PDB file of N, CA and C in Angstrom:
ATOM      1  N   MET A   1      70.041 105.995  73.226  1.00  0.00           N
ATOM      2  CA  MET A   1      69.510 104.949  74.076  1.00  0.00           C
ATOM      3  C   MET A   1      70.306 103.667  73.899  1.00  0.00           C
ATOM      4  N   TRP A   2      70.610 103.317  72.627  1.00  0.00           N
ATOM      5  CA  TRP A   2      71.301 102.039  72.399  1.00  0.00           C
ATOM      6  C   TRP A   2      72.709 102.047  72.975  1.00  0.00           C
ATOM      7  N   GLN A   3      73.371 103.185  72.965  1.00  0.00           N
ATOM      8  CA  GLN A   3      74.713 103.240  73.544  1.00  0.00           C
ATOM      9  C   GLN A   3      74.645 103.119  75.072  1.00  0.00           C
ATOM     10  N   ALA A   4      73.635 103.709  75.702  1.00  0.00           N
ATOM     11  CA  ALA A   4      73.437 103.545  77.142  1.00  0.00           C
ATOM     12  C   ALA A   4      73.126 102.086  77.463  1.00  0.00           C
ATOM     13  N   MET A   5      72.317 101.463  76.628  1.00  0.00           N
ATOM     14  CA  MET A   5      72.010 100.044  76.803  1.00  0.00           C
ATOM     15  C   MET A   5      73.276  99.206  76.687  1.00  0.00           C
ATOM     16  N   ALA A   6      74.119  99.517  75.711  1.00  0.00           N
ATOM     17  CA  ALA A   6      75.356  98.764  75.520  1.00  0.00           C
ATOM     18  C   ALA A   6      76.264  98.878  76.747  1.00  0.00           C
ATOM     19  N   ARG A   7      76.363 100.073  77.317  1.00  0.00           N
ATOM     20  CA  ARG A   7      77.185 100.255  78.512  1.00  0.00           C
ATOM     21  C   ARG A   7      76.622  99.447  79.683  1.00  0.00           C
ATOM     22  N   ALA A   8      75.317  99.490  79.879  1.00  0.00           N
ATOM     23  CA  ALA A   8      74.697  98.738  80.970  1.00  0.00           C
ATOM     24  C   ALA A   8      74.816  97.231  80.737  1.00  0.00           C
ATOM     25  N   ALA A   9      74.774  96.803  79.485  1.00  0.00           N
ATOM     26  CA  ALA A   9      74.817  95.378  79.152  1.00  0.00           C
ATOM     27  C   ALA A   9      76.186  94.759  79.394  1.00  0.00           C
ATOM     28  N   GLU A  10      77.228  95.591  79.506  1.00  0.00           N
ATOM     29  CA  GLU A  10      78.563  95.057  79.788  1.00  0.00           C
ATOM     30  C   GLU A  10      78.576  94.288  81.103  1.00  0.00           C
ATOM     31  N   THR A  11      77.712  94.688  82.038  1.00  0.00           N
ATOM     32  CA  THR A  11      77.613  94.012  83.341  1.00  0.00           C
ATOM     33  C   THR A  11      76.181  93.557  83.633  1.00  0.00           C
ATOM     34  N   SER A  12      75.324  93.650  82.657  1.00  0.00           N
ATOM     35  CA  SER A  12      73.896  93.331  82.814  1.00  0.00           C
ATOM     36  C   SER A  12      73.280  94.105  83.971  1.00  0.00           C
ATOM     37  N   ASP A  13      73.565  95.402  84.008  1.00  0.00           N
ATOM     38  CA  ASP A  13      73.075  96.273  85.075  1.00  0.00           C
ATOM     39  C   ASP A  13      71.676  96.792  84.746  1.00  0.00           C
ATOM     40  N   TRP A  14      70.680  96.041  85.156  1.00  0.00           N
ATOM     41  CA  TRP A  14      69.293  96.407  84.862  1.00  0.00           C
ATOM     42  C   TRP A  14      68.844  97.643  85.618  1.00  0.00           C
ATOM     43  N   ARG A  15      69.613  98.084  86.608  1.00  0.00           N
ATOM     44  CA  ARG A  15      69.261  99.255  87.399  1.00  0.00           C
ATOM     45  C   ARG A  15      70.034 100.501  86.982  1.00  0.00           C
ATOM     46  N   SER A  16      70.728 100.446  85.851  1.00  0.00           N
ATOM     47  CA  SER A  16      71.534 101.582  85.409  1.00  0.00           C
ATOM     48  C   SER A  16      70.668 102.840  85.289  1.00  0.00           C
ATOM     49  N   PRO A  17      71.018 103.904  86.022  1.00  0.00           N
ATOM     50  CA  PRO A  17      70.229 105.136  85.938  1.00  0.00           C
ATOM     51  C   PRO A  17      70.336 105.805  84.570  1.00  0.00           C
ATOM     52  N   GLU A  18      71.374 105.490  83.819  1.00  0.00           N
ATOM     53  CA  GLU A  18      71.547 106.089  82.499  1.00  0.00           C
ATOM     54  C   GLU A  18      70.425 105.689  81.541  1.00  0.00           C
ATOM     55  N   LEU A  19      69.848 104.513  81.719  1.00  0.00           N
ATOM     56  CA  LEU A  19      68.764 104.068  80.840  1.00  0.00           C
ATOM     57  C   LEU A  19      67.592 105.046  80.863  1.00  0.00           C
ATOM     58  N   ALA A  20      67.263 105.555  82.053  1.00  0.00           N
ATOM     59  CA  ALA A  20      66.127 106.470  82.206  1.00  0.00           C
ATOM     60  C   ALA A  20      66.399 107.851  81.607  1.00  0.00           C
ATOM     61  N   GLU A  21      67.644 108.133  81.265  1.00  0.00           N
ATOM     62  CA  GLU A  21      67.957 109.394  80.595  1.00  0.00           C
ATOM     63  C   GLU A  21      67.491 109.376  79.143  1.00  0.00           C
ATOM     64  N   TYR A  22      67.345 108.185  78.584  1.00  0.00           N
ATOM     65  CA  TYR A  22      67.020 108.052  77.164  1.00  0.00           C
ATOM     66  C   TYR A  22      65.723 107.313  76.889  1.00  0.00           C
ATOM     67  N   ALA A  23      65.216 106.576  77.875  1.00  0.00           N
ATOM     68  CA  ALA A  23      64.013 105.767  77.667  1.00  0.00           C
ATOM     69  C   ALA A  23      63.031 105.988  78.807  1.00  0.00           C
ATOM     70  N   THR A  24      61.752 105.775  78.491  1.00  0.00           N
ATOM     71  CA  THR A  24      60.687 105.898  79.476  1.00  0.00           C
ATOM     72  C   THR A  24      59.607 104.874  79.147  1.00  0.00           C
ATOM     73  N   GLY A  25      58.688 104.654  80.059  1.00  0.00           N
ATOM     74  CA  GLY A  25      57.537 103.792  79.795  1.00  0.00           C
ATOM     75  C   GLY A  25      57.919 102.394  79.350  1.00  0.00           C
ATOM     76  N   ASP A  26      57.228 101.917  78.313  1.00  0.00           N
ATOM     77  CA  ASP A  26      57.451 100.558  77.803  1.00  0.00           C
ATOM     78  C   ASP A  26      58.895 100.336  77.381  1.00  0.00           C
ATOM     79  N   ALA A  27      59.519 101.334  76.787  1.00  0.00           N
ATOM     80  CA  ALA A  27      60.903 101.176  76.335  1.00  0.00           C
ATOM     81  C   ALA A  27      61.838 100.932  77.515  1.00  0.00           C
ATOM     82  N   LEU A  28      61.693 101.717  78.573  1.00  0.00           N
ATOM     83  CA  LEU A  28      62.541 101.550  79.753  1.00  0.00           C
ATOM     84  C   LEU A  28      62.290 100.194  80.405  1.00  0.00           C
ATOM     85  N   THR A  29      61.046  99.806  80.501  1.00  0.00           N
ATOM     86  CA  THR A  29      60.705  98.499  81.075  1.00  0.00           C
ATOM     87  C   THR A  29      61.323  97.369  80.261  1.00  0.00           C
ATOM     88  N   THR A  30      61.237  97.452  78.938  1.00  0.00           N
ATOM     89  CA  THR A  30      61.798  96.414  78.073  1.00  0.00           C
ATOM     90  C   THR A  30      63.309  96.316  78.240  1.00  0.00           C
ATOM     91  N   LEU A  31      63.999  97.451  78.257  1.00  0.00           N
ATOM     92  CA  LEU A  31      65.448  97.441  78.435  1.00  0.00           C
ATOM     93  C   LEU A  31      65.826  96.844  79.784  1.00  0.00           C
ATOM     94  N   SER A  32      65.169  97.294  80.839  1.00  0.00           N
ATOM     95  CA  SER A  32      65.481  96.816  82.187  1.00  0.00           C
ATOM     96  C   SER A  32      65.212  95.324  82.337  1.00  0.00           C
ATOM     97  N   ARG A  33      64.103  94.864  81.821  1.00  0.00           N
ATOM     98  CA  ARG A  33      63.774  93.431  81.924  1.00  0.00           C
ATOM     99  C   ARG A  33      64.761  92.573  81.138  1.00  0.00           C
ATOM    100  N   SER A  34      65.175  93.054  79.983  1.00  0.00           N
ATOM    101  CA  SER A  34      66.153  92.324  79.189  1.00  0.00           C
ATOM    102  C   SER A  34      67.472  92.193  79.943  1.00  0.00           C
ATOM    103  N   LEU A  35      67.917  93.279  80.534  1.00  0.00           N
ATOM    104  CA  LEU A  35      69.157  93.251  81.301  1.00  0.00           C
ATOM    105  C   LEU A  35      69.024  92.389  82.551  1.00  0.00           C
ATOM    106  N   TYR A  36      67.862  92.430  83.190  1.00  0.00           N
ATOM    107  CA  TYR A  36      67.651  91.585  84.371  1.00  0.00           C
ATOM    108  C   TYR A  36      67.708  90.108  83.990  1.00  0.00           C
ATOM    109  N   ALA A  37      67.080  89.752  82.873  1.00  0.00           N
ATOM    110  CA  ALA A  37      67.134  88.361  82.406  1.00  0.00           C
ATOM    111  C   ALA A  37      68.573  87.948  82.129  1.00  0.00           C
ATOM    112  N   ASP A  38      69.351  88.831  81.523  1.00  0.00           N
ATOM    113  CA  ASP A  38      70.761  88.514  81.281  1.00  0.00           C
ATOM    114  C   ASP A  38      71.505  88.335  82.600  1.00  0.00           C
ATOM    115  N   HIS A  39      71.222  89.182  83.576  1.00  0.00           N
ATOM    116  CA  HIS A  39      71.844  89.069  84.898  1.00  0.00           C
ATOM    117  C   HIS A  39      71.537  87.699  85.515  1.00  0.00           C
ATOM    118  N   VAL A  40      70.278  87.335  85.501  1.00  0.00           N
ATOM    119  CA  VAL A  40      69.868  86.047  86.080  1.00  0.00           C
ATOM    120  C   VAL A  40      70.524  84.878  85.347  1.00  0.00           C
ATOM    121  N   ASN A  41      70.642  85.001  84.030  1.00  0.00           N
ATOM    122  CA  ASN A  41      71.222  83.928  83.209  1.00  0.00           C
ATOM    123  C   ASN A  41      72.738  84.020  83.095  1.00  0.00           C
ATOM    124  N   LYS A  42      73.334  84.954  83.846  1.00  0.00           N
ATOM    125  CA  LYS A  42      74.781  85.143  83.869  1.00  0.00           C
ATOM    126  C   LYS A  42      75.362  85.411  82.475  1.00  0.00           C
ATOM    127  N   LEU A  43      74.734  86.359  81.792  1.00  0.00           N
ATOM    128  CA  LEU A  43      75.178  86.786  80.472  1.00  0.00           C
ATOM    129  C   LEU A  43      75.618  88.243  80.510  1.00  0.00           C
ATOM    130  N   VAL A  44      76.595  88.578  79.700  1.00  0.00           N
ATOM    131  CA  VAL A  44      77.027  89.964  79.514  1.00  0.00           C
ATOM    132  C   VAL A  44      77.102  90.209  78.014  1.00  0.00           C
ATOM    133  N   THR A  45      77.103  91.459  77.639  1.00  0.00           N
ATOM    134  CA  THR A  45      77.155  91.803  76.222  1.00  0.00           C
ATOM    135  C   THR A  45      78.404  92.629  75.987  1.00  0.00           C
ATOM    136  N   ARG A  46      79.102  92.297  74.910  1.00  0.00           N
ATOM    137  CA  ARG A  46      80.326  93.013  74.558  1.00  0.00           C
ATOM    138  C   ARG A  46      80.155  93.696  73.202  1.00  0.00           C
ATOM    139  N   GLY A  47      80.873  94.804  73.052  1.00  0.00           N
ATOM    140  CA  GLY A  47      80.825  95.537  71.798  1.00  0.00           C
ATOM    141  C   GLY A  47      79.790  96.640  71.833  1.00  0.00           C
ATOM    142  N   ARG A  48      79.499  97.161  70.671  1.00  0.00           N
ATOM    143  CA  ARG A  48      78.520  98.244  70.536  1.00  0.00           C
ATOM    144  C   ARG A  48      77.702  98.023  69.273  1.00  0.00           C
ATOM    145  N   PRO A  49      76.414  98.368  69.340  1.00  0.00           N
ATOM    146  CA  PRO A  49      75.602  98.306  68.126  1.00  0.00           C
ATOM    147  C   PRO A  49      75.914  99.501  67.233  1.00  0.00           C
ATOM    148  N   ALA A  50      75.642  99.360  65.970  1.00  0.00           N
ATOM    149  CA  ALA A  50      75.773 100.477  65.027  1.00  0.00           C
ATOM    150  C   ALA A  50      74.371 100.907  64.627  1.00  0.00           C
ATOM    151  N   ASN A  51      74.058 102.157  64.882  1.00  0.00           N
ATOM    152  CA  ASN A  51      72.735 102.694  64.579  1.00  0.00           C
ATOM    153  C   ASN A  51      72.852 103.991  63.804  1.00  0.00           C
ATOM    154  N   HIS A  52      71.939 104.169  62.849  1.00  0.00           N
ATOM    155  CA  HIS A  52      71.865 105.388  62.054  1.00  0.00           C
ATOM    156  C   HIS A  52      70.390 105.693  61.797  1.00  0.00           C
ATOM    157  N   PRO A  53      69.651 106.069  62.862  1.00  0.00           N
ATOM    158  CA  PRO A  53      68.213 106.288  62.705  1.00  0.00           C
ATOM    159  C   PRO A  53      67.893 107.507  61.849  1.00  0.00           C
ATOM    160  N   THR A  54      66.738 107.427  61.212  1.00  0.00           N
ATOM    161  CA  THR A  54      66.210 108.553  60.451  1.00  0.00           C
ATOM    162  C   THR A  54      64.779 108.808  60.916  1.00  0.00           C
ATOM    163  N   VAL A  55      64.340 110.037  60.787  1.00  0.00           N
ATOM    164  CA  VAL A  55      62.974 110.397  61.168  1.00  0.00           C
ATOM    165  C   VAL A  55      62.030 109.921  60.070  1.00  0.00           C
ATOM    166  N   SER A  56      61.022 109.154  60.472  1.00  0.00           N
ATOM    167  CA  SER A  56      60.030 108.691  59.493  1.00  0.00           C
ATOM    168  C   SER A  56      58.729 109.485  59.573  1.00  0.00           C
ATOM    169  N   SER A  57      58.438 110.093  60.733  1.00  0.00           N
ATOM    170  CA  SER A  57      57.260 110.962  60.851  1.00  0.00           C
ATOM    171  C   SER A  57      57.349 111.792  62.118  1.00  0.00           C
ATOM    172  N   VAL A  58      56.607 112.906  62.118  1.00  0.00           N
ATOM    173  CA  VAL A  58      56.488 113.769  63.293  1.00  0.00           C
ATOM    174  C   VAL A  58      55.020 114.110  63.485  1.00  0.00           C
ATOM    175  N   GLU A  59      54.593 114.207  64.727  1.00  0.00           N
ATOM    176  CA  GLU A  59      53.204 114.554  65.045  1.00  0.00           C
ATOM    177  C   GLU A  59      53.171 115.518  66.219  1.00  0.00           C
ATOM    178  N   PRO A  60      52.385 116.550  66.162  1.00  0.00           N
ATOM    179  CA  PRO A  60      51.825 117.139  64.948  1.00  0.00           C
ATOM    180  C   PRO A  60      52.936 117.810  64.150  1.00  0.00           C
ATOM    181  N   PRO A  61      52.758 117.925  62.858  1.00  0.00           N
ATOM    182  CA  PRO A  61      53.821 118.453  61.991  1.00  0.00           C
ATOM    183  C   PRO A  61      54.340 119.839  62.377  1.00  0.00           C
ATOM    184  N   GLY A  62      53.468 120.729  62.805  1.00  0.00           N
ATOM    185  CA  GLY A  62      53.881 122.095  63.115  1.00  0.00           C
ATOM    186  C   GLY A  62      54.567 122.264  64.451  1.00  0.00           C
ATOM    187  N   ASP A  63      54.295 121.379  65.396  1.00  0.00           N
ATOM    188  CA  ASP A  63      54.847 121.474  66.748  1.00  0.00           C
ATOM    189  C   ASP A  63      55.023 120.055  67.283  1.00  0.00           C
ATOM    190  N   PRO A  64      56.008 119.331  66.789  1.00  0.00           N
ATOM    191  CA  PRO A  64      56.154 117.909  67.111  1.00  0.00           C
ATOM    192  C   PRO A  64      56.238 117.607  68.601  1.00  0.00           C
ATOM    193  N   ARG A  65      55.473 116.607  68.993  1.00  0.00           N
ATOM    194  CA  ARG A  65      55.511 116.060  70.350  1.00  0.00           C
ATOM    195  C   ARG A  65      55.906 114.584  70.305  1.00  0.00           C
ATOM    196  N   THR A  66      55.737 113.988  69.125  1.00  0.00           N
ATOM    197  CA  THR A  66      56.080 112.584  68.910  1.00  0.00           C
ATOM    198  C   THR A  66      56.845 112.467  67.601  1.00  0.00           C
ATOM    199  N   VAL A  67      57.940 111.756  67.635  1.00  0.00           N
ATOM    200  CA  VAL A  67      58.752 111.521  66.451  1.00  0.00           C
ATOM    201  C   VAL A  67      58.936 110.016  66.304  1.00  0.00           C
ATOM    202  N   MET A  68      58.697 109.517  65.114  1.00  0.00           N
ATOM    203  CA  MET A  68      58.936 108.108  64.821  1.00  0.00           C
ATOM    204  C   MET A  68      60.273 107.992  64.095  1.00  0.00           C
ATOM    205  N   LEU A  69      61.086 107.039  64.540  1.00  0.00           N
ATOM    206  CA  LEU A  69      62.387 106.796  63.946  1.00  0.00           C
ATOM    207  C   LEU A  69      62.421 105.428  63.291  1.00  0.00           C
ATOM    208  N   ALA A  70      63.170 105.310  62.226  1.00  0.00           N
ATOM    209  CA  ALA A  70      63.396 104.028  61.556  1.00  0.00           C
ATOM    210  C   ALA A  70      64.898 103.827  61.440  1.00  0.00           C
ATOM    211  N   ASP A  71      65.332 102.590  61.574  1.00  0.00           N
ATOM    212  CA  ASP A  71      66.748 102.296  61.513  1.00  0.00           C
ATOM    213  C   ASP A  71      66.958 100.883  60.991  1.00  0.00           C
ATOM    214  N   CYS A  72      68.117 100.659  60.444  1.00  0.00           N
ATOM    215  CA  CYS A  72      68.580  99.320  60.116  1.00  0.00           C
ATOM    216  C   CYS A  72      69.815  99.117  60.979  1.00  0.00           C
ATOM    217  N   GLY A  73      69.577  98.783  62.236  1.00  0.00           N
ATOM    218  CA  GLY A  73      70.662  98.643  63.199  1.00  0.00           C
ATOM    219  C   GLY A  73      71.501  97.412  62.918  1.00  0.00           C
ATOM    220  N   ASP A  74      72.758  97.479  63.310  1.00  0.00           N
ATOM    221  CA  ASP A  74      73.672  96.363  63.081  1.00  0.00           C
ATOM    222  C   ASP A  74      74.232  95.896  64.426  1.00  0.00           C
ATOM    223  N   SER A  75      73.903  94.667  64.784  1.00  0.00           N
ATOM    224  CA  SER A  75      74.363  94.098  66.052  1.00  0.00           C
ATOM    225  C   SER A  75      75.492  93.086  65.855  1.00  0.00           C
ATOM    226  N   ALA A  76      76.134  93.088  64.679  1.00  0.00           N
ATOM    227  CA  ALA A  76      77.203  92.128  64.391  1.00  0.00           C
ATOM    228  C   ALA A  76      78.354  92.237  65.385  1.00  0.00           C
ATOM    229  N   ASN A  77      78.591  93.425  65.918  1.00  0.00           N
ATOM    230  CA  ASN A  77      79.671  93.630  66.890  1.00  0.00           C
ATOM    231  C   ASN A  77      79.136  93.905  68.287  1.00  0.00           C
ATOM    232  N   TRP A  78      77.958  93.363  68.583  1.00  0.00           N
ATOM    233  CA  TRP A  78      77.318  93.549  69.895  1.00  0.00           C
ATOM    234  C   TRP A  78      76.682  92.224  70.268  1.00  0.00           C
ATOM    235  N   LEU A  79      77.457  91.369  70.936  1.00  0.00           N
ATOM    236  CA  LEU A  79      77.044  89.984  71.158  1.00  0.00           C
ATOM    237  C   LEU A  79      77.049  89.613  72.634  1.00  0.00           C
ATOM    238  N   LYS A  80      76.198  88.652  72.978  1.00  0.00           N
ATOM    239  CA  LYS A  80      76.090  88.161  74.356  1.00  0.00           C
ATOM    240  C   LYS A  80      77.065  87.010  74.586  1.00  0.00           C
ATOM    241  N   TYR A  81      77.694  87.043  75.776  1.00  0.00           N
ATOM    242  CA  TYR A  81      78.645  86.018  76.188  1.00  0.00           C
ATOM    243  C   TYR A  81      78.272  85.504  77.571  1.00  0.00           C
ATOM    244  N   ARG A  82      78.702  84.301  77.878  1.00  0.00           N
ATOM    245  CA  ARG A  82      78.555  83.777  79.228  1.00  0.00           C
ATOM    246  C   ARG A  82      79.528  84.565  80.108  1.00  0.00           C
ATOM    247  N   SER A  83      79.031  85.071  81.215  1.00  0.00           N
ATOM    248  CA  SER A  83      79.818  85.923  82.097  1.00  0.00           C
ATOM    249  C   SER A  83      81.124  85.235  82.506  1.00  0.00           C
ATOM    250  N   GLY A  84      82.223  85.985  82.418  1.00  0.00           N
ATOM    251  CA  GLY A  84      83.523  85.475  82.828  1.00  0.00           C
ATOM    252  C   GLY A  84      84.194  84.555  81.827  1.00  0.00           C
ATOM    253  N   THR A  85      83.613  84.406  80.630  1.00  0.00           N
ATOM    254  CA  THR A  85      84.193  83.517  79.617  1.00  0.00           C
ATOM    255  C   THR A  85      84.218  84.226  78.270  1.00  0.00           C
ATOM    256  N   ASP A  86      84.809  83.552  77.307  1.00  0.00           N
ATOM    257  CA  ASP A  86      84.776  84.030  75.925  1.00  0.00           C
ATOM    258  C   ASP A  86      83.785  83.215  75.106  1.00  0.00           C
ATOM    259  N   GLN A  87      82.886  82.507  75.789  1.00  0.00           N
ATOM    260  CA  GLN A  87      81.912  81.644  75.121  1.00  0.00           C
ATOM    261  C   GLN A  87      80.662  82.448  74.753  1.00  0.00           C
ATOM    262  N   LEU A  88      80.350  82.472  73.447  1.00  0.00           N
ATOM    263  CA  LEU A  88      79.126  83.130  73.001  1.00  0.00           C
ATOM    264  C   LEU A  88      77.916  82.472  73.652  1.00  0.00           C
ATOM    265  N   ALA A  89      76.922  83.276  73.960  1.00  0.00           N
ATOM    266  CA  ALA A  89      75.710  82.752  74.592  1.00  0.00           C
ATOM    267  C   ALA A  89      74.906  81.894  73.627  1.00  0.00           C
ATOM    268  N   ASP A  90      74.993  82.194  72.332  1.00  0.00           N
ATOM    269  CA  ASP A  90      74.304  81.386  71.326  1.00  0.00           C
ATOM    270  C   ASP A  90      75.081  81.459  70.025  1.00  0.00           C
ATOM    271  N   GLU A  91      74.711  80.657  69.094  1.00  0.00           N
ATOM    272  CA  GLU A  91      75.445  80.580  67.831  1.00  0.00           C
ATOM    273  C   GLU A  91      74.850  81.460  66.732  1.00  0.00           C
ATOM    274  N   THR A  92      73.775  82.186  67.033  1.00  0.00           N
ATOM    275  CA  THR A  92      73.117  82.959  65.988  1.00  0.00           C
ATOM    276  C   THR A  92      73.885  84.204  65.585  1.00  0.00           C
ATOM    277  N   GLY A  93      74.616  84.805  66.504  1.00  0.00           N
ATOM    278  CA  GLY A  93      75.359  86.018  66.185  1.00  0.00           C
ATOM    279  C   GLY A  93      74.442  87.199  65.943  1.00  0.00           C
ATOM    280  N   GLY A  94      75.028  88.271  65.485  1.00  0.00           N
ATOM    281  CA  GLY A  94      74.250  89.478  65.234  1.00  0.00           C
ATOM    282  C   GLY A  94      74.155  89.756  63.747  1.00  0.00           C
ATOM    283  N   GLY A  95      73.654  90.913  63.425  1.00  0.00           N
ATOM    284  CA  GLY A  95      73.517  91.322  62.035  1.00  0.00           C
ATOM    285  C   GLY A  95      72.594  92.513  61.914  1.00  0.00           C
ATOM    286  N   ARG A  96      72.200  92.795  60.696  1.00  0.00           N
ATOM    287  CA  ARG A  96      71.348  93.954  60.426  1.00  0.00           C
ATOM    288  C   ARG A  96      69.890  93.599  60.684  1.00  0.00           C
ATOM    289  N   ARG A  97      69.218  94.507  61.376  1.00  0.00           N
ATOM    290  CA  ARG A  97      67.818  94.283  61.744  1.00  0.00           C
ATOM    291  C   ARG A  97      67.041  95.587  61.742  1.00  0.00           C
ATOM    292  N   SER A  98      65.785  95.491  61.369  1.00  0.00           N
ATOM    293  CA  SER A  98      64.908  96.650  61.320  1.00  0.00           C
ATOM    294  C   SER A  98      64.513  97.064  62.738  1.00  0.00           C
ATOM    295  N   ILE A  99      64.609  98.369  62.999  1.00  0.00           N
ATOM    296  CA  ILE A  99      64.243  98.920  64.305  1.00  0.00           C
ATOM    297  C   ILE A  99      63.353 100.135  64.075  1.00  0.00           C
ATOM    298  N   THR A 100      62.257 100.202  64.809  1.00  0.00           N
ATOM    299  CA  THR A 100      61.428 101.408  64.825  1.00  0.00           C
ATOM    300  C   THR A 100      61.325 101.877  66.272  1.00  0.00           C
ATOM    301  N   ALA A 101      61.198 103.176  66.454  1.00  0.00           N
ATOM    302  CA  ALA A 101      61.091 103.721  67.803  1.00  0.00           C
ATOM    303  C   ALA A 101      60.207 104.954  67.812  1.00  0.00           C
ATOM    304  N   GLU A 102      59.469 105.094  68.896  1.00  0.00           N
ATOM    305  CA  GLU A 102      58.663 106.287  69.138  1.00  0.00           C
ATOM    306  C   GLU A 102      59.372 107.105  70.203  1.00  0.00           C
ATOM    307  N   VAL A 103      59.636 108.363  69.882  1.00  0.00           N
ATOM    308  CA  VAL A 103      60.301 109.271  70.811  1.00  0.00           C
ATOM    309  C   VAL A 103      59.331 110.391  71.132  1.00  0.00           C
ATOM    310  N   VAL A 104      59.109 110.630  72.417  1.00  0.00           N
ATOM    311  CA  VAL A 104      58.117 111.636  72.820  1.00  0.00           C
ATOM    312  C   VAL A 104      58.762 112.678  73.723  1.00  0.00           C
ATOM    313  N   THR A 105      58.219 113.903  73.616  1.00  0.00           N
ATOM    314  CA  THR A 105      58.701 114.978  74.471  1.00  0.00           C
ATOM    315  C   THR A 105      58.148 114.761  75.886  1.00  0.00           C
ATOM    316  N   GLN A 106      58.986 115.080  76.852  1.00  0.00           N
ATOM    317  CA  GLN A 106      58.635 114.893  78.260  1.00  0.00           C
ATOM    318  C   GLN A 106      58.232 116.234  78.874  1.00  0.00           C
ATOM    319  N   PRO A 107      57.585 116.212  80.039  1.00  0.00           N
ATOM    320  CA  PRO A 107      57.180 117.469  80.674  1.00  0.00           C
ATOM    321  C   PRO A 107      58.327 118.457  80.901  1.00  0.00           C
ATOM    322  N   ASP A 108      59.550 117.929  81.080  1.00  0.00           N
ATOM    323  CA  ASP A 108      60.691 118.821  81.300  1.00  0.00           C
ATOM    324  C   ASP A 108      61.306 119.313  79.986  1.00  0.00           C
ATOM    325  N   GLY A 109      60.702 118.936  78.843  1.00  0.00           N
ATOM    326  CA  GLY A 109      61.185 119.368  77.539  1.00  0.00           C
ATOM    327  C   GLY A 109      62.166 118.415  76.881  1.00  0.00           C
ATOM    328  N   SER A 110      62.634 117.406  77.606  1.00  0.00           N
ATOM    329  CA  SER A 110      63.552 116.435  77.019  1.00  0.00           C
ATOM    330  C   SER A 110      62.784 115.445  76.142  1.00  0.00           C
ATOM    331  N   TRP A 111      63.515 114.697  75.349  1.00  0.00           N
ATOM    332  CA  TRP A 111      62.925 113.673  74.486  1.00  0.00           C
ATOM    333  C   TRP A 111      63.426 112.310  74.947  1.00  0.00           C
ATOM    334  N   ARG A 112      62.499 111.332  75.028  1.00  0.00           N
ATOM    335  CA  ARG A 112      62.884 109.972  75.413  1.00  0.00           C
ATOM    336  C   ARG A 112      62.128 108.971  74.554  1.00  0.00           C
ATOM    337  N   VAL A 113      62.781 107.838  74.328  1.00  0.00           N
ATOM    338  CA  VAL A 113      62.138 106.744  73.600  1.00  0.00           C
ATOM    339  C   VAL A 113      61.075 106.149  74.517  1.00  0.00           C
ATOM    340  N   SER A 114      59.843 106.060  74.014  1.00  0.00           N
ATOM    341  CA  SER A 114      58.753 105.523  74.828  1.00  0.00           C
ATOM    342  C   SER A 114      58.436 104.082  74.468  1.00  0.00           C
ATOM    343  N   ARG A 115      58.728 103.693  73.237  1.00  0.00           N
ATOM    344  CA  ARG A 115      58.554 102.303  72.829  1.00  0.00           C
ATOM    345  C   ARG A 115      59.365 102.060  71.577  1.00  0.00           C
ATOM    346  N   PHE A 116      59.711 100.799  71.383  1.00  0.00           N
ATOM    347  CA  PHE A 116      60.494 100.451  70.206  1.00  0.00           C
ATOM    348  C   PHE A 116      60.212  99.002  69.825  1.00  0.00           C
ATOM    349  N   SER A 117      60.583  98.682  68.604  1.00  0.00           N
ATOM    350  CA  SER A 117      60.439  97.330  68.086  1.00  0.00           C
ATOM    351  C   SER A 117      61.719  96.972  67.340  1.00  0.00           C
ATOM    352  N   VAL A 118      62.268  95.817  67.677  1.00  0.00           N
ATOM    353  CA  VAL A 118      63.468  95.317  67.014  1.00  0.00           C
ATOM    354  C   VAL A 118      63.116  94.002  66.335  1.00  0.00           C
ATOM    355  N   GLN A 119      63.307  93.944  65.044  1.00  0.00           N
ATOM    356  CA  GLN A 119      63.001  92.727  64.281  1.00  0.00           C
ATOM    357  C   GLN A 119      64.228  91.826  64.226  1.00  0.00           C
ATOM    358  N   GLY A 120      64.065  90.656  63.673  1.00  0.00           N
ATOM    359  CA  GLY A 120      65.136  89.679  63.602  1.00  0.00           C
ATOM    360  C   GLY A 120      66.239  90.051  62.629  1.00  0.00           C
ATOM    361  N   VAL A 121      67.356  89.367  62.783  1.00  0.00           N
ATOM    362  CA  VAL A 121      68.499  89.563  61.889  1.00  0.00           C
ATOM    363  C   VAL A 121      68.065  89.275  60.447  1.00  0.00           C
ATOM    364  N   GLY A 122      68.479  90.133  59.546  1.00  0.00           N
ATOM    365  CA  GLY A 122      68.160  89.970  58.133  1.00  0.00           C
ATOM    366  C   GLY A 122      66.901  90.692  57.681  1.00  0.00           C
ATOM    367  N   THR A 123      66.293  91.493  58.559  1.00  0.00           N
ATOM    368  CA  THR A 123      65.051  92.179  58.190  1.00  0.00           C
ATOM    369  C   THR A 123      65.294  93.515  57.493  1.00  0.00           C
ATOM    370  N   CYS A 124      66.535  93.855  57.258  1.00  0.00           N
ATOM    371  CA  CYS A 124      66.838  95.058  56.479  1.00  0.00           C
ATOM    372  C   CYS A 124      68.215  94.941  55.859  1.00  0.00           C
TER     373      CYS A 124
END
């Protein structure tokens, strides 16, 4: 999901169909709204986040339908810029941050992130 988000964020494409391949529900809405806000504010994102999620729980254990993931994502090389310039959108920069995500099985058998939480820089 984060790599699809990174590709869409290069142009702030809130309508990228690739997002729906990896996210659904609240997660898809959050990604799309974030990209739309960047579009309106004339911001683009360059680089890629570094993620190494691990499974923190599965429900039900014998036949999982929901998987919780935990990560300490790194956004140090994934930053927002003013469109058409080399000017950073803000001075805070990126860094390591705690991320949790709920991934659920879909009716077609695929898995998609249904919701996620990203904490501030320095939370892991």
